[in-house]
Protein backbone atom coordinates (compact mmCIF):
# COMPACT_ATOMS: atom_id res chain seq x y z
CA MET A 1 81.05 21.58 5.00
CA TYR A 2 77.63 19.95 4.85
CA LEU A 3 77.84 19.15 8.56
CA LYS A 4 78.75 22.75 9.40
CA ILE A 5 75.84 24.13 7.38
CA THR A 6 73.48 21.66 9.00
CA LYS A 7 74.68 22.66 12.45
CA PHE A 8 74.35 26.35 11.54
CA LEU A 9 70.80 25.88 10.31
CA PHE A 10 69.91 23.81 13.38
CA TYR A 11 71.14 26.42 15.84
CA SER A 12 69.58 29.22 13.81
CA PHE A 13 66.18 27.55 13.88
CA PHE A 14 66.68 26.67 17.56
CA SER A 15 67.47 30.31 18.42
CA LEU A 16 64.49 31.52 16.44
CA ALA A 17 62.28 29.04 18.27
CA ILE A 18 63.49 30.33 21.62
CA LEU A 19 62.91 33.94 20.57
CA SER A 20 59.44 33.02 19.36
CA VAL A 21 58.60 31.37 22.68
CA GLN A 22 59.95 34.37 24.58
CA SER A 23 58.02 36.75 22.37
CA PHE A 24 54.83 34.71 22.86
CA SER A 25 55.41 34.69 26.62
CA GLN A 26 55.90 38.45 26.67
CA GLU A 27 52.80 39.04 24.59
CA LYS A 28 50.61 36.55 26.43
CA LYS A 29 47.37 38.22 27.48
CA ILE A 30 46.58 38.65 31.14
CA GLU A 31 42.96 38.95 32.26
CA LEU A 32 42.25 40.40 35.70
CA ARG A 33 38.98 40.87 37.57
CA PHE A 34 37.92 43.88 39.63
CA GLY A 35 34.70 43.52 41.63
CA HIS A 36 33.14 46.28 43.72
CA PHE A 37 29.91 47.47 45.33
CA ALA A 38 29.39 50.78 43.50
CA PRO A 39 26.34 50.96 41.22
CA VAL A 40 26.47 52.03 37.59
CA GLY A 41 26.74 55.82 37.48
CA HIS A 42 28.66 56.05 40.75
CA ASN A 43 31.94 57.98 40.66
CA ILE A 44 33.88 54.84 41.63
CA THR A 45 32.32 52.91 38.76
CA GLU A 46 33.11 55.69 36.28
CA ALA A 47 36.70 55.91 37.52
CA ALA A 48 37.11 52.11 37.40
CA ASN A 49 36.07 52.20 33.73
CA LYS A 50 38.88 54.68 33.09
CA VAL A 51 41.35 52.45 34.93
CA ALA A 52 40.43 49.51 32.70
CA ASP A 53 40.82 51.68 29.60
CA GLU A 54 44.21 52.94 30.78
CA ILE A 55 45.54 49.47 31.52
CA LYS A 56 44.43 48.19 28.13
CA LYS A 57 45.92 51.21 26.37
CA ILE A 58 49.31 51.23 28.10
CA SER A 59 49.73 47.46 27.77
CA ASN A 60 48.67 47.57 24.09
CA GLY A 61 45.78 45.28 24.87
CA ARG A 62 47.95 42.69 26.61
CA ILE A 63 46.36 43.24 30.04
CA ILE A 64 42.58 43.32 30.34
CA LEU A 65 40.81 44.44 33.53
CA ASN A 66 37.30 42.99 33.59
CA LEU A 67 34.92 45.01 35.77
CA PHE A 68 32.08 43.72 37.94
CA PRO A 69 30.27 46.70 39.54
CA ALA A 70 27.08 46.84 41.60
CA SER A 71 27.91 43.85 43.84
CA GLN A 72 27.61 41.42 40.92
CA LEU A 73 30.14 39.11 42.60
CA GLY A 74 28.85 39.55 46.15
CA ASN A 75 28.31 42.11 48.89
CA ASN A 76 31.15 44.17 50.38
CA ARG A 77 32.25 41.55 52.86
CA GLU A 78 32.07 38.73 50.33
CA LEU A 79 34.19 40.71 47.87
CA VAL A 80 36.92 41.21 50.47
CA GLU A 81 36.78 37.50 51.30
CA GLN A 82 37.27 36.70 47.61
CA VAL A 83 40.34 38.93 47.44
CA SER A 84 41.67 37.30 50.61
CA ASN A 85 41.29 33.76 49.24
CA GLY A 86 42.57 34.69 45.79
CA SER A 87 39.39 34.10 43.79
CA LEU A 88 39.15 37.83 42.93
CA ASP A 89 42.10 39.89 41.68
CA PHE A 90 41.06 43.36 42.84
CA GLY A 91 38.52 44.97 45.14
CA ILE A 92 38.03 48.33 46.82
CA GLU A 93 37.07 48.75 50.45
CA ALA A 94 37.30 51.02 53.49
CA GLY A 95 38.71 50.58 56.97
CA GLY A 96 35.49 49.70 58.75
CA MET A 97 34.95 46.59 56.65
CA LEU A 98 38.64 45.59 56.71
CA ALA A 99 38.46 45.67 60.50
CA ASN A 100 36.81 42.26 60.20
CA TRP A 101 40.25 41.00 59.14
CA HIS A 102 42.48 43.35 61.16
CA LYS A 103 40.78 45.39 63.88
CA PRO A 104 43.03 48.50 63.81
CA MET A 105 42.04 49.20 60.19
CA GLU A 106 38.73 50.65 61.31
CA ILE A 107 40.43 53.69 62.83
CA PHE A 108 40.48 55.20 59.35
CA GLU A 109 36.68 55.41 59.53
CA ALA A 110 36.53 56.66 63.09
CA PRO A 111 33.89 59.40 63.46
CA PHE A 112 35.06 62.95 62.78
CA PHE A 113 38.66 61.69 62.51
CA ALA A 114 39.78 64.08 59.74
CA ASP A 115 38.58 67.56 58.84
CA ASN A 116 39.13 67.23 55.09
CA TRP A 117 40.43 64.88 52.40
CA SER A 118 43.90 66.41 52.43
CA GLN A 119 44.26 65.41 56.08
CA MET A 120 42.80 61.95 55.51
CA ASN A 121 45.04 61.32 52.52
CA LYS A 122 48.12 62.18 54.59
CA ILE A 123 46.96 59.90 57.40
CA MET A 124 46.24 56.97 55.06
CA SER A 125 49.59 57.38 53.30
CA SER A 126 51.69 57.75 56.45
CA LYS A 127 54.44 55.47 57.73
CA GLU A 128 52.25 54.37 60.62
CA ALA A 129 49.43 53.51 58.21
CA LEU A 130 51.79 51.44 56.05
CA ASN A 131 52.70 49.38 59.11
CA LEU A 132 49.02 48.59 59.66
CA TYR A 133 48.71 47.54 56.01
CA LYS A 134 51.63 45.14 56.42
CA ASP A 135 49.93 43.55 59.44
CA LEU A 136 46.70 43.20 57.44
CA GLU A 137 48.61 41.47 54.64
CA LYS A 138 50.25 39.01 57.04
CA LYS A 139 46.89 38.07 58.53
CA SER A 140 44.79 37.89 55.39
CA ASN A 141 46.91 37.93 52.19
CA ILE A 142 45.12 41.21 51.39
CA LYS A 143 47.59 43.66 49.91
CA ILE A 144 46.88 47.37 49.61
CA ILE A 145 48.19 49.00 46.43
CA ALA A 146 47.94 52.49 44.90
CA ASN A 147 46.89 55.73 46.58
CA PRO A 148 43.67 55.94 48.65
CA TRP A 149 40.43 56.71 46.79
CA TYR A 150 38.00 59.28 48.19
CA ASN A 151 34.50 57.94 48.75
CA GLY A 152 32.93 61.00 50.27
CA VAL A 153 31.59 62.01 53.66
CA ARG A 154 28.73 60.08 55.18
CA HIS A 155 25.39 61.77 55.91
CA ILE A 156 22.02 60.52 57.15
CA THR A 157 18.74 60.30 55.23
CA THR A 158 15.30 59.60 56.71
CA LYS A 159 11.82 59.20 55.32
CA ASN A 160 9.32 60.37 57.92
CA LYS A 161 11.28 62.59 60.30
CA PRO A 162 13.79 65.40 59.70
CA ILE A 163 17.01 65.35 61.74
CA ASN A 164 17.49 68.82 63.20
CA THR A 165 19.25 67.71 66.38
CA ILE A 166 20.96 64.52 67.49
CA GLU A 167 17.95 63.81 69.71
CA ASP A 168 15.82 63.34 66.58
CA LEU A 169 17.73 60.13 65.86
CA LYS A 170 16.69 58.43 69.07
CA ASN A 171 15.42 54.88 68.41
CA LEU A 172 15.31 55.32 64.62
CA LYS A 173 16.39 52.26 62.64
CA ILE A 174 19.32 53.42 60.53
CA ARG A 175 20.88 51.05 58.03
CA THR A 176 24.67 50.70 58.19
CA PRO A 177 27.14 48.50 56.30
CA GLN A 178 28.59 45.52 58.16
CA SER A 179 31.23 47.77 59.67
CA PRO A 180 31.77 47.67 63.45
CA ILE A 181 32.97 51.28 63.71
CA ILE A 182 30.04 52.67 61.70
CA ILE A 183 27.65 50.60 63.79
CA ASP A 184 29.22 52.02 66.98
CA THR A 185 28.93 55.55 65.57
CA ILE A 186 25.23 55.25 64.81
CA LEU A 187 24.55 53.66 68.19
CA ALA A 188 26.34 56.56 69.89
CA MET A 189 23.90 58.93 68.18
CA GLY A 190 21.03 57.15 69.94
CA ALA A 191 19.73 55.38 66.84
CA THR A 192 19.35 51.64 66.28
CA ALA A 193 22.04 50.47 63.87
CA THR A 194 20.72 47.97 61.33
CA PRO A 195 23.50 46.30 59.29
CA MET A 196 22.33 45.33 55.81
CA PRO A 197 23.90 44.62 52.38
CA PHE A 198 23.78 47.63 50.07
CA THR A 199 21.63 45.85 47.49
CA GLU A 200 18.80 45.42 50.02
CA VAL A 201 18.64 49.03 51.22
CA TYR A 202 16.30 50.58 48.64
CA LEU A 203 13.49 48.10 49.26
CA ALA A 204 13.94 48.33 53.03
CA LEU A 205 13.60 52.11 52.85
CA GLN A 206 10.65 51.91 50.48
CA THR A 207 8.72 49.51 52.73
CA ASN A 208 9.63 51.31 56.00
CA ALA A 209 11.49 48.25 57.26
CA ILE A 210 14.10 50.81 58.30
CA ASP A 211 13.72 54.52 59.01
CA GLY A 212 16.81 55.72 57.20
CA GLN A 213 20.37 55.07 56.11
CA GLU A 214 23.76 56.80 56.06
CA ASN A 215 26.10 57.11 53.08
CA PRO A 216 28.09 59.61 51.04
CA ILE A 217 26.09 61.88 48.71
CA GLY A 218 27.25 60.07 45.58
CA THR A 219 26.19 56.71 46.96
CA ILE A 220 22.81 58.06 48.04
CA ASN A 221 22.24 59.22 44.49
CA ALA A 222 23.58 56.07 42.82
CA GLY A 223 21.38 53.92 45.04
CA LYS A 224 18.43 56.22 44.23
CA PHE A 225 17.67 56.47 47.95
CA ASN A 226 16.47 60.04 47.42
CA GLU A 227 13.44 58.52 45.68
CA VAL A 228 12.31 56.89 48.93
CA GLN A 229 13.69 59.39 51.48
CA ASN A 230 12.35 62.85 52.21
CA TYR A 231 15.11 64.26 54.41
CA LEU A 232 18.88 64.58 54.22
CA ALA A 233 20.82 65.62 57.33
CA ILE A 234 24.32 66.94 56.59
CA THR A 235 26.12 65.28 59.48
CA GLY A 236 29.46 64.42 57.82
CA HIS A 237 30.06 61.98 60.66
CA ILE A 238 32.59 59.81 58.79
CA MET A 239 34.96 60.59 55.93
CA THR A 240 35.59 57.45 53.92
CA GLY A 241 38.80 56.73 52.11
CA MET A 242 39.04 53.40 50.30
CA TRP A 243 41.93 51.23 49.22
CA ILE A 244 42.51 49.18 46.11
CA LEU A 245 42.94 45.62 47.36
CA THR A 246 44.62 42.65 45.75
CA ASN A 247 45.69 39.18 46.83
CA GLU A 248 49.36 39.13 47.85
CA LYS A 249 50.11 35.80 46.16
CA LYS A 250 48.36 36.70 42.90
CA TRP A 251 50.01 40.10 42.88
CA ALA A 252 53.43 38.44 43.08
CA GLN A 253 52.67 36.60 39.81
CA LEU A 254 52.79 39.89 37.88
CA THR A 255 56.13 41.27 36.75
CA GLN A 256 57.37 44.44 38.43
CA ALA A 257 56.74 46.31 35.19
CA ASP A 258 53.13 45.11 35.08
CA GLN A 259 52.66 45.90 38.75
CA LYS A 260 53.80 49.47 38.13
CA LEU A 261 51.51 49.75 35.12
CA VAL A 262 48.52 48.64 37.18
CA ILE A 263 49.37 50.89 40.14
CA ASP A 264 49.81 53.92 37.88
CA ALA A 265 46.43 53.25 36.27
CA PHE A 266 44.68 52.93 39.65
CA ASN A 267 46.34 56.16 40.83
CA LYS A 268 45.01 57.98 37.76
CA GLY A 269 41.62 56.47 38.49
CA GLY A 270 41.81 57.76 42.05
CA VAL A 271 42.24 61.33 40.81
CA ILE A 272 39.34 60.95 38.37
CA ASN A 273 37.19 59.49 41.16
CA TYR A 274 38.01 62.39 43.51
CA ASN A 275 37.16 65.05 40.95
CA LEU A 276 33.89 63.32 40.05
CA ALA A 277 32.96 62.89 43.72
CA ILE A 278 33.65 66.51 44.73
CA LYS A 279 31.85 67.92 41.70
CA GLY A 280 28.98 65.50 42.23
CA GLU A 281 28.50 66.33 45.91
CA LYS A 282 27.71 69.97 45.17
CA GLU A 283 25.51 69.24 42.18
CA LEU A 284 23.61 66.42 43.86
CA ILE A 285 22.62 68.41 46.93
CA ASP A 286 21.07 70.97 44.57
CA LYS A 287 19.41 68.12 42.67
CA PHE A 288 17.96 66.67 45.89
CA LYS A 289 16.61 70.09 46.88
CA SER A 290 14.98 70.69 43.51
CA SER A 291 13.29 67.29 43.66
CA GLY A 292 11.67 68.18 46.98
CA MET A 293 14.10 66.65 49.46
CA ASN A 294 14.46 68.69 52.66
CA ILE A 295 18.08 69.39 53.69
CA THR A 296 18.92 70.01 57.35
CA TYR A 297 22.18 71.10 58.97
CA PRO A 298 22.27 69.88 62.60
CA ASN A 299 24.70 71.32 65.14
CA LEU A 300 27.65 68.94 64.77
CA GLN A 301 29.17 69.75 68.14
CA ALA A 302 26.48 67.66 69.80
CA PHE A 303 27.32 64.77 67.47
CA LYS A 304 31.06 65.05 68.10
CA SER A 305 30.62 65.08 71.87
CA ARG A 306 28.79 61.74 71.70
CA MET A 307 31.78 60.08 70.02
CA THR A 308 33.99 60.04 73.12
CA ASP A 309 32.60 56.65 74.09
CA VAL A 310 33.26 55.28 70.59
CA TYR A 311 36.94 56.17 70.90
CA LYS A 312 37.17 54.81 74.44
CA LYS A 313 35.56 51.54 73.43
CA ASN A 314 37.84 50.95 70.46
CA SER A 315 41.18 52.58 71.32
CA GLU A 316 42.53 49.44 73.01
CA LYS A 317 41.56 47.29 70.03
CA TRP A 318 43.26 49.73 67.64
CA GLY A 319 46.50 49.42 69.55
CA LYS A 320 48.43 51.57 71.98
CA ASP A 321 49.05 55.10 70.68
CA THR A 322 47.63 54.24 67.22
CA TYR A 323 45.21 57.17 67.27
CA GLU A 324 47.86 59.61 68.48
CA ASN A 325 50.45 58.41 65.95
CA LEU A 326 48.07 58.82 63.03
CA SER A 327 46.52 62.08 64.27
CA LYS A 328 49.82 63.93 64.05
CA TYR A 329 49.47 63.90 60.26
CA LYS A 330 46.42 66.16 60.56
CA ASN A 331 48.69 69.13 61.37
């Protein structure tokens, strides 16, 4: 009898120990890091804060998303490199920059590619797009998760010269990100493309090291470029959708349930970001006007006609029929 009781107690304690270990494992906290370029006050930064709150709430505090905005961990290219090598859990970036890892990705930032966000969203979520994402992952370990985030339409600001026609851009030094397709677009306009990290742009504009820059309205405001620029030309030359990036190997370490939790949170953040961006675009143009900034609306047909060479130059690098296959989702 004594032996039976001893055995019973032993196995009871053993089972409890296993359950305790399992419970501890299930409740073990996970800390993740999300680094991005957007300054404090930018719609992406505000939406990222909501994502972190959502993940913490749904996981009951078990999963923490630590945020590093305003290029704290590096410039755009460096952040993508960190995701690729696994030293950063999450980033957010657009096609032009990702072209440095897989050339066809830049087609998503081709000039005047989509007429509106509904079109662009369909294109970026299409079967053909998913195939490009798989190729990117194979080459770089960069995995795209969640729905695309809207980052606005890019326009041009200048300090000393208004842009009323495309000819007004001739020989002006216009800052661009380190994105081959954006560089090609600005060159096609007749300007001199000057690639530069985002964090250096304000001072370069202030000191006339460059004549202007191009960015979405929200980014212009967040970077306070309107303080050192007198003119805004509504060119809308590139619509920028961005992806949430993670490292494929690190992503695989999360359970499927946690992966779904994170994706759902980023998708909610994408909706918040879109609403903030659209609302902000209208309000900010009025804000720029009231602060004395001159707004011009050049004839865009002249801009569009200059982009033929950009498409010719890059179509072979994008891959045979890539443009045509993606364009059908615009209908």
